[in-house]
Amino acid sequence: MTRNLKFSNFSWLLIFFSFISISLSAQEENHTKVGLSALLQDSQLDIVLPIWTSQKFALVPGVSFVSIEDGGTDIGIGLSLRNYFKETEIAPFITGRFAALISSPAEGDSTTDFVAGIGTGGEYFLHEQFSLGVEGQLNFSFSDDQSSRFGNPGGMNINTASVVFATVYF
C-alpha cells in the first residue's frame, strides 16, 4: 500500500511540473530545440534528451541502465525541469528533478525507489549545437521497503550529488 501511495504522489508531481513548463512556455515565441546529453555522475552514465520549450525552460527526460554481471539490472527513468536565467554563451539554471529507480536483482524481488531533488548549474555553449555543463543537486530519496540501495529500507534519505554533462543539439 505504501509503494502505491509514493508512486501516486510521484506521478502527480511529474504531471504538475510538466503542466507548469508547458503553460509558461506557451507565453513565449516558439523556441523548441532538442538535444542529446550524456551525464556522468560517480560511476553511472545517464542519457537524457533536453527539450527546450522556450528561451528559459527545458524539459529533460532521461534514462539509465546498469547491468551487473550475475547481479541483475538497474533501470532509472526520470524527468527534470530546468529554468534558465538567460540564454547566452554561459547559461545558468535551476532545476527540479524526479526519478524512479528500478532494481531487478538476479535473485530476489524487484524494488522501486524514488528520488526528488533540486539543483543549480550552468551550461557553457561552445557552439550553438554543442555544450558542456555542470550541476549540483540536493536529493531526497524514498526507498522501497525491500530496497538496500540507500541503506535505509522503507525510509527517506537526503544526499548531495554533482553531475558533469555534454550535449549535442539538433
Foldseek 3Di string as FASTA:
>chain_A
DVVVVVVVVLVVVVVVVVVVQLVVLVVAPADWWKKWKWKDWPNFIKIWIWIDSHQFKTKIWIKGWDQDVLFFIKIKTKIKMWGWPGDDQKTKTKMKMKMWIWTDTPDDDIWIKMKIKIKIKIWGHPDPFKIKIKIKMKMKMAADQPDPPPPDRRHIDIDITMMIMMMGMD
